[in-house]
Amino acid sequence: MWQFIDVNIEPSCAVIGTIAVIIIAIVSLRISKKVLTQQTLVDLLKEYRSPQMCFAIQELWSAYREKCQSNKDEWISYYKDKYEEEYLSKFEERQYSLHYQRRIVSQFYQQVATLYYKKILPKKVVRVYWTDLEIIEEILKPIDKDAMQDIIERKSVKEVENSVDQMIKLCNEFKPLWKKFKINNESKV
């Protein structure tokens, strides 16, 4: 039923064909990686620019500066007290709680760090779009590393710690850049 045609291909043609296939595969892989990066970036920027994220960042900085005068020990104490107070509130009101706002921002930056260390987001992209990584060191790190350990008992502490550690590592890696950015912007004012 089936008939096969016997074709003699010269070795040089076979090598050229193999090289062409490899080149096409490499180009396709690079294109798909760029598409993945762009789609990931679009989704992250939508989330970052959302009113909910803006409100969360504003609430965290406001509480940190106004209630605690930028003192990390006071910040941890204030946060723990606020958490206990808000934990007893109605479910509908919790979405405006300081704890909920911290979770939104912390999980966002943990996601950015994960994508960066998995080489999905390039360094240049992180450097250009997230110059405010100071929030990790000043506000998120004291709570995520210290206060939350005391407040709740987590089932997957190791997994959460790894994610928080990645976020802190990202902050430290980009610290010279955001310090420089902060100094440059303050001198322009």
N, C-alpha and C. Protein backbone atom coordinates (compact mmCIF):
# COMPACT_ATOMS: atom_id res chain seq x y z
N MET A 1 0.81 -1.20 0.00
CA MET A 1 0.00 0.00 0.00
C MET A 1 0.85 1.26 0.00
N TRP A 2 1.76 1.31 0.94
CA TRP A 2 2.60 2.50 1.04
C TRP A 2 3.83 2.31 0.17
N GLN A 3 4.14 3.32 -0.53
CA GLN A 3 5.35 3.27 -1.33
C GLN A 3 6.30 4.35 -0.84
N PHE A 4 7.50 3.97 -0.64
CA PHE A 4 8.51 4.92 -0.20
C PHE A 4 9.44 5.23 -1.35
N ILE A 5 9.75 6.50 -1.43
CA ILE A 5 10.66 6.92 -2.48
C ILE A 5 12.06 6.96 -1.89
N ASP A 6 12.95 6.34 -2.56
CA ASP A 6 14.32 6.32 -2.11
C ASP A 6 15.01 7.58 -2.62
N VAL A 7 15.36 8.46 -1.66
CA VAL A 7 15.99 9.72 -2.03
C VAL A 7 17.40 9.72 -1.48
N ASN A 8 18.31 10.05 -2.33
CA ASN A 8 19.70 10.18 -1.90
C ASN A 8 19.99 11.66 -1.69
N ILE A 9 20.31 12.00 -0.42
CA ILE A 9 20.64 13.38 -0.10
C ILE A 9 22.13 13.44 0.16
N GLU A 10 22.72 14.42 -0.41
CA GLU A 10 24.15 14.58 -0.21
C GLU A 10 24.41 14.98 1.24
N PRO A 11 25.49 14.54 1.83
CA PRO A 11 25.82 14.87 3.22
C PRO A 11 25.88 16.37 3.47
N SER A 12 26.37 17.14 2.54
CA SER A 12 26.48 18.58 2.75
C SER A 12 25.08 19.22 2.87
N CYS A 13 24.14 18.71 2.10
CA CYS A 13 22.76 19.21 2.19
C CYS A 13 22.13 18.84 3.53
N ALA A 14 22.43 17.64 4.01
CA ALA A 14 21.89 17.20 5.29
C ALA A 14 22.44 18.05 6.42
N VAL A 15 23.72 18.39 6.36
CA VAL A 15 24.34 19.23 7.39
C VAL A 15 23.72 20.63 7.35
N ILE A 16 23.57 21.18 6.16
CA ILE A 16 22.97 22.51 6.02
C ILE A 16 21.53 22.50 6.53
N GLY A 17 20.79 21.47 6.23
CA GLY A 17 19.41 21.35 6.72
C GLY A 17 19.35 21.26 8.24
N THR A 18 20.27 20.49 8.83
CA THR A 18 20.33 20.35 10.28
C THR A 18 20.67 21.68 10.94
N ILE A 19 21.63 22.39 10.39
CA ILE A 19 22.01 23.71 10.92
C ILE A 19 20.84 24.67 10.82
N ALA A 20 20.12 24.64 9.70
CA ALA A 20 18.96 25.52 9.53
C ALA A 20 17.89 25.22 10.58
N VAL A 21 17.65 23.95 10.85
CA VAL A 21 16.66 23.56 11.85
C VAL A 21 17.09 24.05 13.24
N ILE A 22 18.36 23.93 13.56
CA ILE A 22 18.87 24.38 14.86
C ILE A 22 18.72 25.90 14.99
N ILE A 23 19.06 26.63 13.94
CA ILE A 23 18.92 28.09 13.96
C ILE A 23 17.46 28.49 14.15
N ILE A 24 16.58 27.84 13.45
CA ILE A 24 15.14 28.13 13.58
C ILE A 24 14.66 27.83 15.00
N ALA A 25 15.14 26.75 15.57
CA ALA A 25 14.76 26.39 16.95
C ALA A 25 15.25 27.44 17.94
N ILE A 26 16.48 27.91 17.78
CA ILE A 26 17.04 28.94 18.68
C ILE A 26 16.26 30.24 18.54
N VAL A 27 15.99 30.65 17.32
CA VAL A 27 15.23 31.88 17.09
C VAL A 27 13.83 31.76 17.68
N SER A 28 13.20 30.63 17.50
CA SER A 28 11.85 30.41 18.06
C SER A 28 11.87 30.47 19.58
N LEU A 29 12.90 29.90 20.17
CA LEU A 29 13.02 29.92 21.63
C LEU A 29 13.20 31.34 22.14
N ARG A 30 14.04 32.11 21.47
CA ARG A 30 14.25 33.51 21.87
C ARG A 30 12.97 34.33 21.71
N ILE A 31 12.27 34.12 20.64
CA ILE A 31 11.02 34.85 20.42
C ILE A 31 10.00 34.50 21.49
N SER A 32 9.87 33.22 21.81
CA SER A 32 8.90 32.82 22.83
C SER A 32 9.29 33.37 24.20
N LYS A 33 10.60 33.45 24.49
CA LYS A 33 11.05 34.02 25.76
C LYS A 33 10.73 35.52 25.82
N LYS A 34 10.93 36.22 24.71
CA LYS A 34 10.60 37.65 24.68
C LYS A 34 9.10 37.87 24.85
N VAL A 35 8.31 37.04 24.23
CA VAL A 35 6.85 37.15 24.37
C VAL A 35 6.45 36.88 25.82
N LEU A 36 7.04 35.86 26.44
CA LEU A 36 6.77 35.56 27.84
C LEU A 36 7.15 36.73 28.74
N THR A 37 8.32 37.30 28.50
CA THR A 37 8.76 38.45 29.29
C THR A 37 7.81 39.62 29.13
N GLN A 38 7.43 39.90 27.89
CA GLN A 38 6.52 41.04 27.65
C GLN A 38 5.16 40.81 28.29
N GLN A 39 4.62 39.62 28.19
CA GLN A 39 3.32 39.33 28.78
C GLN A 39 3.38 39.41 30.30
N THR A 40 4.45 38.88 30.86
CA THR A 40 4.64 38.95 32.31
C THR A 40 4.76 40.39 32.76
N LEU A 41 5.52 41.18 32.02
CA LEU A 41 5.70 42.59 32.34
C LEU A 41 4.38 43.35 32.26
N VAL A 42 3.61 43.10 31.23
CA VAL A 42 2.30 43.76 31.09
C VAL A 42 1.41 43.44 32.29
N ASP A 43 1.36 42.18 32.68
CA ASP A 43 0.53 41.77 33.82
C ASP A 43 1.03 42.41 35.12
N LEU A 44 2.34 42.41 35.33
CA LEU A 44 2.89 43.01 36.55
C LEU A 44 2.63 44.52 36.60
N LEU A 45 2.81 45.19 35.47
CA LEU A 45 2.58 46.63 35.45
C LEU A 45 1.11 46.98 35.66
N LYS A 46 0.20 46.16 35.15
CA LYS A 46 -1.23 46.37 35.40
C LYS A 46 -1.51 46.29 36.90
N GLU A 47 -0.94 45.27 37.52
CA GLU A 47 -1.13 45.09 38.96
C GLU A 47 -0.49 46.24 39.74
N TYR A 48 0.73 46.62 39.34
CA TYR A 48 1.46 47.66 40.04
C TYR A 48 0.77 49.02 39.93
N ARG A 49 0.15 49.28 38.80
CA ARG A 49 -0.51 50.56 38.57
C ARG A 49 -1.97 50.58 39.02
N SER A 50 -2.44 49.50 39.57
CA SER A 50 -3.83 49.43 39.99
C SER A 50 -4.09 50.35 41.18
N PRO A 51 -5.31 50.86 41.31
CA PRO A 51 -5.65 51.70 42.46
C PRO A 51 -5.43 50.97 43.79
N GLN A 52 -5.70 49.69 43.80
CA GLN A 52 -5.53 48.90 45.03
C GLN A 52 -4.06 48.88 45.46
N MET A 53 -3.13 48.69 44.53
CA MET A 53 -1.71 48.69 44.86
C MET A 53 -1.26 50.07 45.30
N CYS A 54 -1.72 51.09 44.60
CA CYS A 54 -1.38 52.47 44.96
C CYS A 54 -1.84 52.77 46.39
N PHE A 55 -3.06 52.39 46.69
CA PHE A 55 -3.61 52.60 48.03
C PHE A 55 -2.79 51.85 49.07
N ALA A 56 -2.43 50.60 48.77
CA ALA A 56 -1.67 49.77 49.71
C ALA A 56 -0.30 50.38 50.00
N ILE A 57 0.41 50.79 48.97
CA ILE A 57 1.73 51.39 49.16
C ILE A 57 1.62 52.68 49.96
N GLN A 58 0.64 53.49 49.61
CA GLN A 58 0.43 54.75 50.31
C GLN A 58 0.11 54.53 51.79
N GLU A 59 -0.74 53.56 52.08
CA GLU A 59 -1.11 53.27 53.48
C GLU A 59 0.09 52.78 54.28
N LEU A 60 0.91 51.93 53.68
CA LEU A 60 2.08 51.41 54.38
C LEU A 60 3.08 52.52 54.69
N TRP A 61 3.40 53.33 53.69
CA TRP A 61 4.35 54.43 53.91
C TRP A 61 3.79 55.43 54.92
N SER A 62 2.52 55.72 54.82
CA SER A 62 1.89 56.67 55.74
C SER A 62 1.98 56.17 57.17
N ALA A 63 1.61 54.92 57.41
CA ALA A 63 1.67 54.36 58.76
C ALA A 63 3.11 54.32 59.26
N TYR A 64 4.03 53.95 58.41
CA TYR A 64 5.44 53.85 58.80
C TYR A 64 6.02 55.21 59.18
N ARG A 65 5.73 56.23 58.38
CA ARG A 65 6.31 57.56 58.63
C ARG A 65 5.57 58.33 59.72
N GLU A 66 4.24 58.30 59.68
CA GLU A 66 3.47 59.12 60.60
C GLU A 66 3.31 58.49 61.98
N LYS A 67 3.02 57.22 62.03
CA LYS A 67 2.76 56.56 63.32
C LYS A 67 4.04 56.13 64.01
N CYS A 68 5.06 55.81 63.24
CA CYS A 68 6.27 55.22 63.82
C CYS A 68 7.51 56.08 63.61
N GLN A 69 7.37 57.23 62.99
CA GLN A 69 8.49 58.13 62.72
C GLN A 69 9.68 57.40 62.09
N SER A 70 9.37 56.47 61.21
CA SER A 70 10.38 55.69 60.48
C SER A 70 11.30 54.87 61.39
N ASN A 71 10.84 54.53 62.57
CA ASN A 71 11.60 53.69 63.50
C ASN A 71 11.14 52.24 63.34
N LYS A 72 12.05 51.35 62.98
CA LYS A 72 11.69 49.97 62.67
C LYS A 72 11.13 49.21 63.87
N ASP A 73 11.67 49.44 65.07
CA ASP A 73 11.15 48.75 66.26
C ASP A 73 9.72 49.21 66.56
N GLU A 74 9.50 50.52 66.45
CA GLU A 74 8.14 51.04 66.66
C GLU A 74 7.21 50.52 65.57
N TRP A 75 7.73 50.39 64.37
CA TRP A 75 6.93 49.88 63.24
C TRP A 75 6.46 48.46 63.52
N ILE A 76 7.36 47.60 63.98
CA ILE A 76 6.99 46.21 64.27
C ILE A 76 5.95 46.18 65.39
N SER A 77 6.16 46.94 66.43
CA SER A 77 5.22 46.99 67.56
C SER A 77 3.85 47.52 67.11
N TYR A 78 3.87 48.60 66.34
CA TYR A 78 2.63 49.19 65.84
C TYR A 78 1.88 48.19 64.96
N TYR A 79 2.63 47.52 64.09
CA TYR A 79 2.01 46.55 63.17
C TYR A 79 1.36 45.41 63.93
N LYS A 80 2.05 44.87 64.92
CA LYS A 80 1.49 43.78 65.72
C LYS A 80 0.20 44.20 66.42
N ASP A 81 0.22 45.39 67.01
CA ASP A 81 -0.99 45.91 67.68
C ASP A 81 -2.12 46.10 66.68
N LYS A 82 -1.80 46.67 65.55
CA LYS A 82 -2.80 46.93 64.51
C LYS A 82 -3.36 45.61 63.97
N TYR A 83 -2.49 44.61 63.83
CA TYR A 83 -2.92 43.31 63.33
C TYR A 83 -3.94 42.69 64.28
N GLU A 84 -3.63 42.71 65.56
CA GLU A 84 -4.55 42.15 66.56
C GLU A 84 -5.89 42.88 66.52
N GLU A 85 -5.84 44.19 66.42
CA GLU A 85 -7.06 45.01 66.38
C GLU A 85 -7.87 44.70 65.11
N GLU A 86 -7.20 44.66 63.98
CA GLU A 86 -7.89 44.45 62.71
C GLU A 86 -8.35 43.02 62.52
N TYR A 87 -7.66 42.08 63.14
CA TYR A 87 -8.02 40.68 63.01
C TYR A 87 -9.41 40.41 63.55
N LEU A 88 -9.79 41.16 64.54
CA LEU A 88 -11.11 40.99 65.15
C LEU A 88 -12.21 41.73 64.39
N SER A 89 -11.85 42.51 63.39
CA SER A 89 -12.86 43.28 62.64
C SER A 89 -13.66 42.37 61.71
N LYS A 90 -14.72 42.94 61.16
CA LYS A 90 -15.57 42.20 60.22
C LYS A 90 -14.78 41.90 58.95
N PHE A 91 -15.16 40.82 58.31
CA PHE A 91 -14.46 40.35 57.11
C PHE A 91 -14.42 41.44 56.03
N GLU A 92 -15.53 42.14 55.82
CA GLU A 92 -15.60 43.16 54.77
C GLU A 92 -14.62 44.30 55.03
N GLU A 93 -14.35 44.58 56.30
CA GLU A 93 -13.46 45.69 56.66
C GLU A 93 -11.98 45.30 56.55
N ARG A 94 -11.71 44.02 56.52
CA ARG A 94 -10.32 43.58 56.52
C ARG A 94 -9.57 43.96 55.25
N GLN A 95 -10.27 44.15 54.15
CA GLN A 95 -9.59 44.50 52.91
C GLN A 95 -8.93 45.88 53.01
N TYR A 96 -9.31 46.68 53.99
CA TYR A 96 -8.70 47.99 54.20
C TYR A 96 -7.69 47.97 55.34
N SER A 97 -7.46 46.81 55.91
CA SER A 97 -6.55 46.71 57.05
C SER A 97 -5.10 46.86 56.61
N LEU A 98 -4.28 47.27 57.54
CA LEU A 98 -2.87 47.44 57.27
C LEU A 98 -2.23 46.10 56.89
N HIS A 99 -2.67 45.04 57.55
CA HIS A 99 -2.15 43.70 57.24
C HIS A 99 -2.46 43.32 55.80
N TYR A 100 -3.67 43.57 55.36
CA TYR A 100 -4.06 43.23 53.99
C TYR A 100 -3.25 44.06 52.99
N GLN A 101 -3.04 45.34 53.30
CA GLN A 101 -2.27 46.20 52.41
C GLN A 101 -0.82 45.71 52.32
N ARG A 102 -0.27 45.29 53.47
CA ARG A 102 1.09 44.76 53.47
C ARG A 102 1.19 43.49 52.64
N ARG A 103 0.19 42.63 52.76
CA ARG A 103 0.20 41.38 52.00
C ARG A 103 0.18 41.63 50.50
N ILE A 104 -0.63 42.59 50.07
CA ILE A 104 -0.71 42.92 48.63
C ILE A 104 0.67 43.32 48.12
N VAL A 105 1.30 44.25 48.82
CA VAL A 105 2.60 44.77 48.38
C VAL A 105 3.69 43.71 48.50
N SER A 106 3.71 43.01 49.61
CA SER A 106 4.73 41.98 49.84
C SER A 106 4.64 40.87 48.79
N GLN A 107 3.45 40.38 48.55
CA GLN A 107 3.30 39.30 47.57
C GLN A 107 3.64 39.76 46.16
N PHE A 108 3.36 41.02 45.87
CA PHE A 108 3.72 41.56 44.56
C PHE A 108 5.24 41.54 44.40
N TYR A 109 5.96 42.06 45.38
CA TYR A 109 7.41 42.10 45.28
C TYR A 109 8.04 40.72 45.37
N GLN A 110 7.41 39.80 46.07
CA GLN A 110 7.90 38.42 46.07
C GLN A 110 7.76 37.83 44.66
N GLN A 111 6.68 38.17 43.99
CA GLN A 111 6.47 37.69 42.62
C GLN A 111 7.52 38.30 41.68
N VAL A 112 7.79 39.59 41.81
CA VAL A 112 8.82 40.23 40.99
C VAL A 112 10.17 39.55 41.22
N ALA A 113 10.50 39.31 42.49
CA ALA A 113 11.78 38.67 42.82
C ALA A 113 11.87 37.26 42.22
N THR A 114 10.80 36.50 42.34
CA THR A 114 10.79 35.14 41.79
C THR A 114 10.99 35.17 40.28
N LEU A 115 10.28 36.05 39.60
CA LEU A 115 10.41 36.15 38.15
C LEU A 115 11.81 36.62 37.74
N TYR A 116 12.38 37.49 38.54
CA TYR A 116 13.73 37.97 38.25
C TYR A 116 14.76 36.84 38.43
N TYR A 117 14.67 36.11 39.52
CA TYR A 117 15.66 35.06 39.77
C TYR A 117 15.44 33.82 38.92
N LYS A 118 14.26 33.68 38.32
CA LYS A 118 14.04 32.59 37.36
C LYS A 118 14.39 33.05 35.94
N LYS A 119 14.94 34.25 35.86
CA LYS A 119 15.41 34.85 34.61
C LYS A 119 14.28 35.09 33.60
N ILE A 120 13.10 35.37 34.11
CA ILE A 120 11.99 35.74 33.23
C ILE A 120 11.97 37.25 33.05
N LEU A 121 12.25 37.98 34.13
CA LEU A 121 12.38 39.43 34.04
C LEU A 121 13.87 39.78 34.02
N PRO A 122 14.31 40.49 33.00
CA PRO A 122 15.71 40.89 32.96
C PRO A 122 16.01 41.99 33.99
N LYS A 123 17.27 42.13 34.34
CA LYS A 123 17.70 43.13 35.31
C LYS A 123 17.31 44.53 34.88
N LYS A 124 17.46 44.81 33.60
CA LYS A 124 17.14 46.14 33.08
C LYS A 124 15.67 46.49 33.32
N VAL A 125 14.79 45.52 33.14
CA VAL A 125 13.36 45.75 33.33
C VAL A 125 13.06 46.06 34.80
N VAL A 126 13.64 45.30 35.70
CA VAL A 126 13.42 45.54 37.12
C VAL A 126 13.97 46.91 37.50
N ARG A 127 15.13 47.23 37.00
CA ARG A 127 15.78 48.52 37.31
C ARG A 127 14.94 49.70 36.79
N VAL A 128 14.35 49.56 35.63
CA VAL A 128 13.59 50.66 35.02
C VAL A 128 12.23 50.85 35.69
N TYR A 129 11.51 49.76 35.95
CA TYR A 129 10.13 49.88 36.41
C TYR A 129 9.96 49.93 37.93
N TRP A 130 10.90 49.39 38.68
CA TRP A 130 10.73 49.36 40.14
C TRP A 130 11.91 50.01 40.84
N THR A 131 11.86 51.34 40.87
CA THR A 131 12.92 52.11 41.52
C THR A 131 12.61 52.33 43.00
N ASP A 132 11.47 51.89 43.46
CA ASP A 132 11.05 52.14 44.84
C ASP A 132 11.19 50.89 45.72
N LEU A 133 12.24 50.13 45.50
CA LEU A 133 12.44 48.90 46.27
C LEU A 133 12.76 49.18 47.73
N GLU A 134 12.91 50.42 48.08
CA GLU A 134 13.17 50.81 49.47
C GLU A 134 12.06 50.32 50.38
N ILE A 135 10.85 50.21 49.86
CA ILE A 135 9.72 49.74 50.67
C ILE A 135 9.97 48.34 51.21
N ILE A 136 10.74 47.55 50.48
CA ILE A 136 11.05 46.19 50.95
C ILE A 136 11.88 46.25 52.23
N GLU A 137 12.93 47.05 52.18
CA GLU A 137 13.83 47.12 53.34
C GLU A 137 13.19 47.83 54.53
N GLU A 138 12.53 48.93 54.27
CA GLU A 138 12.00 49.75 55.36
C GLU A 138 10.73 49.19 55.97
N ILE A 139 9.82 48.69 55.17
CA ILE A 139 8.48 48.33 55.65
C ILE A 139 8.22 46.83 55.64
N LEU A 140 8.52 46.17 54.54
CA LEU A 140 8.14 44.75 54.40
C LEU A 140 9.06 43.81 55.17
N LYS A 141 10.36 44.02 55.07
CA LYS A 141 11.32 43.11 55.72
C LYS A 141 11.09 43.00 57.23
N PRO A 142 10.96 44.12 57.96
CA PRO A 142 10.75 43.97 59.40
C PRO A 142 9.50 43.18 59.76
N ILE A 143 8.46 43.34 58.96
CA ILE A 143 7.21 42.63 59.26
C ILE A 143 7.29 41.19 58.78
N ASP A 144 7.69 40.98 57.54
CA ASP A 144 7.72 39.63 56.97
C ASP A 144 8.73 38.73 57.69
N LYS A 145 9.85 39.28 58.12
CA LYS A 145 10.88 38.46 58.75
C LYS A 145 10.70 38.34 60.26
N ASP A 146 10.21 39.40 60.92
CA ASP A 146 10.15 39.40 62.38
C ASP A 146 8.73 39.29 62.94
N ALA A 147 7.92 40.27 62.62
CA ALA A 147 6.59 40.34 63.26
C ALA A 147 5.69 39.17 62.89
N MET A 148 5.66 38.79 61.63
CA MET A 148 4.74 37.73 61.21
C MET A 148 5.10 36.39 61.85
N GLN A 149 6.36 36.18 62.16
CA GLN A 149 6.77 34.94 62.83
C GLN A 149 6.12 34.86 64.21
N ASP A 150 5.99 36.02 64.87
CA ASP A 150 5.40 36.07 66.21
C ASP A 150 3.88 36.05 66.16
N ILE A 151 3.30 36.63 65.11
CA ILE A 151 1.85 36.80 65.06
C ILE A 151 1.12 35.50 64.75
N ILE A 152 1.56 34.82 63.71
CA ILE A 152 0.83 33.62 63.30
C ILE A 152 1.77 32.43 63.15
N GLU A 153 1.19 31.28 63.28
CA GLU A 153 1.94 30.05 63.07
C GLU A 153 1.62 29.57 61.66
N ARG A 154 2.63 29.56 60.81
CA ARG A 154 2.39 29.18 59.42
C ARG A 154 2.68 27.71 59.20
N LYS A 155 1.93 27.13 58.27
CA LYS A 155 2.12 25.72 57.96
C LYS A 155 3.34 25.52 57.07
N SER A 156 3.52 26.40 56.13
CA SER A 156 4.65 26.25 55.20
C SER A 156 5.65 27.38 55.41
N VAL A 157 6.15 27.49 56.62
CA VAL A 157 7.06 28.57 56.99
C VAL A 157 8.27 28.60 56.07
N LYS A 158 8.85 27.46 55.76
CA LYS A 158 10.05 27.41 54.93
C LYS A 158 9.79 27.99 53.54
N GLU A 159 8.67 27.64 52.94
CA GLU A 159 8.33 28.15 51.61
C GLU A 159 8.15 29.66 51.63
N VAL A 160 7.46 30.16 52.64
CA VAL A 160 7.24 31.60 52.76
C VAL A 160 8.57 32.31 53.02
N GLU A 161 9.40 31.75 53.89
CA GLU A 161 10.69 32.36 54.18
C GLU A 161 11.56 32.44 52.93
N ASN A 162 11.55 31.40 52.11
CA ASN A 162 12.34 31.42 50.88
C ASN A 162 11.88 32.55 49.96
N SER A 163 10.58 32.73 49.85
CA SER A 163 10.03 33.77 49.01
C SER A 163 10.38 35.16 49.55
N VAL A 164 10.27 35.33 50.86
CA VAL A 164 10.62 36.60 51.49
C VAL A 164 12.12 36.86 51.35
N ASP A 165 12.94 35.82 51.53
CA ASP A 165 14.38 35.97 51.38
C ASP A 165 14.74 36.39 49.96
N GLN A 166 14.05 35.85 48.97
CA GLN A 166 14.29 36.23 47.58
C GLN A 166 13.95 37.70 47.38
N MET A 167 12.85 38.15 47.98
CA MET A 167 12.43 39.54 47.86
C MET A 167 13.50 40.46 48.49
N ILE A 168 14.02 40.08 49.63
CA ILE A 168 15.04 40.87 50.32
C ILE A 168 16.34 40.87 49.52
N LYS A 169 16.67 39.73 48.94
CA LYS A 169 17.88 39.63 48.10
C LYS A 169 17.75 40.57 46.89
N LEU A 170 16.56 40.63 46.31
CA LEU A 170 16.31 41.54 45.19
C LEU A 170 16.54 42.98 45.63
N CYS A 171 16.01 43.33 46.78
CA CYS A 171 16.18 44.68 47.32
C CYS A 171 17.66 45.00 47.50
N ASN A 172 18.39 44.09 48.09
CA ASN A 172 19.82 44.32 48.34
C ASN A 172 20.61 44.43 47.04
N GLU A 173 20.23 43.64 46.05
CA GLU A 173 20.93 43.68 44.77
C GLU A 173 20.74 45.02 44.07
N PHE A 174 19.55 45.59 44.20
CA PHE A 174 19.24 46.83 43.51
C PHE A 174 19.39 48.06 44.42
N LYS A 175 19.82 47.86 45.67
CA LYS A 175 19.93 48.96 46.63
C LYS A 175 20.79 50.11 46.10
N PRO A 176 21.97 49.84 45.54
CA PRO A 176 22.77 50.98 45.05
C PRO A 176 22.00 51.80 44.01
N LEU A 177 21.18 51.14 43.22
CA LEU A 177 20.43 51.85 42.17
C LEU A 177 19.34 52.72 42.76
N TRP A 178 18.54 52.17 43.72
CA TRP A 178 17.46 53.00 44.24
C TRP A 178 17.96 54.06 45.20
N LYS A 179 19.10 53.83 45.85
CA LYS A 179 19.70 54.88 46.68
C LYS A 179 20.14 56.04 45.78
N LYS A 180 20.78 55.69 44.65
CA LYS A 180 21.24 56.71 43.70
C LYS A 180 20.04 57.45 43.11
N PHE A 181 18.99 56.72 42.76
CA PHE A 181 17.78 57.33 42.21
C PHE A 181 17.16 58.29 43.22
N LYS A 182 17.11 57.89 44.48
CA LYS A 182 16.52 58.70 45.54
C LYS A 182 17.32 59.98 45.73
N ILE A 183 18.64 59.88 45.75
CA ILE A 183 19.51 61.05 45.91
C ILE A 183 19.34 62.00 44.74
N ASN A 184 19.32 61.47 43.51
CA ASN A 184 19.15 62.31 42.32
C ASN A 184 17.82 63.04 42.34
N ASN A 185 16.74 62.35 42.74
CA ASN A 185 15.43 62.98 42.77
C ASN A 185 15.32 64.02 43.87
N GLU A 186 15.97 63.78 45.01
CA GLU A 186 15.93 64.75 46.10
C GLU A 186 16.69 66.01 45.73
N SER A 187 17.76 65.89 44.95
CA SER A 187 18.54 67.06 44.55
C SER A 187 17.79 67.91 43.53
N LYS A 188 16.85 67.32 42.80
CA LYS A 188 16.06 68.06 41.81
C LYS A 188 14.94 68.86 42.45
N VAL A 189 14.54 68.49 43.67
CA VAL A 189 13.42 69.16 44.32
C VAL A 189 13.82 70.48 44.90
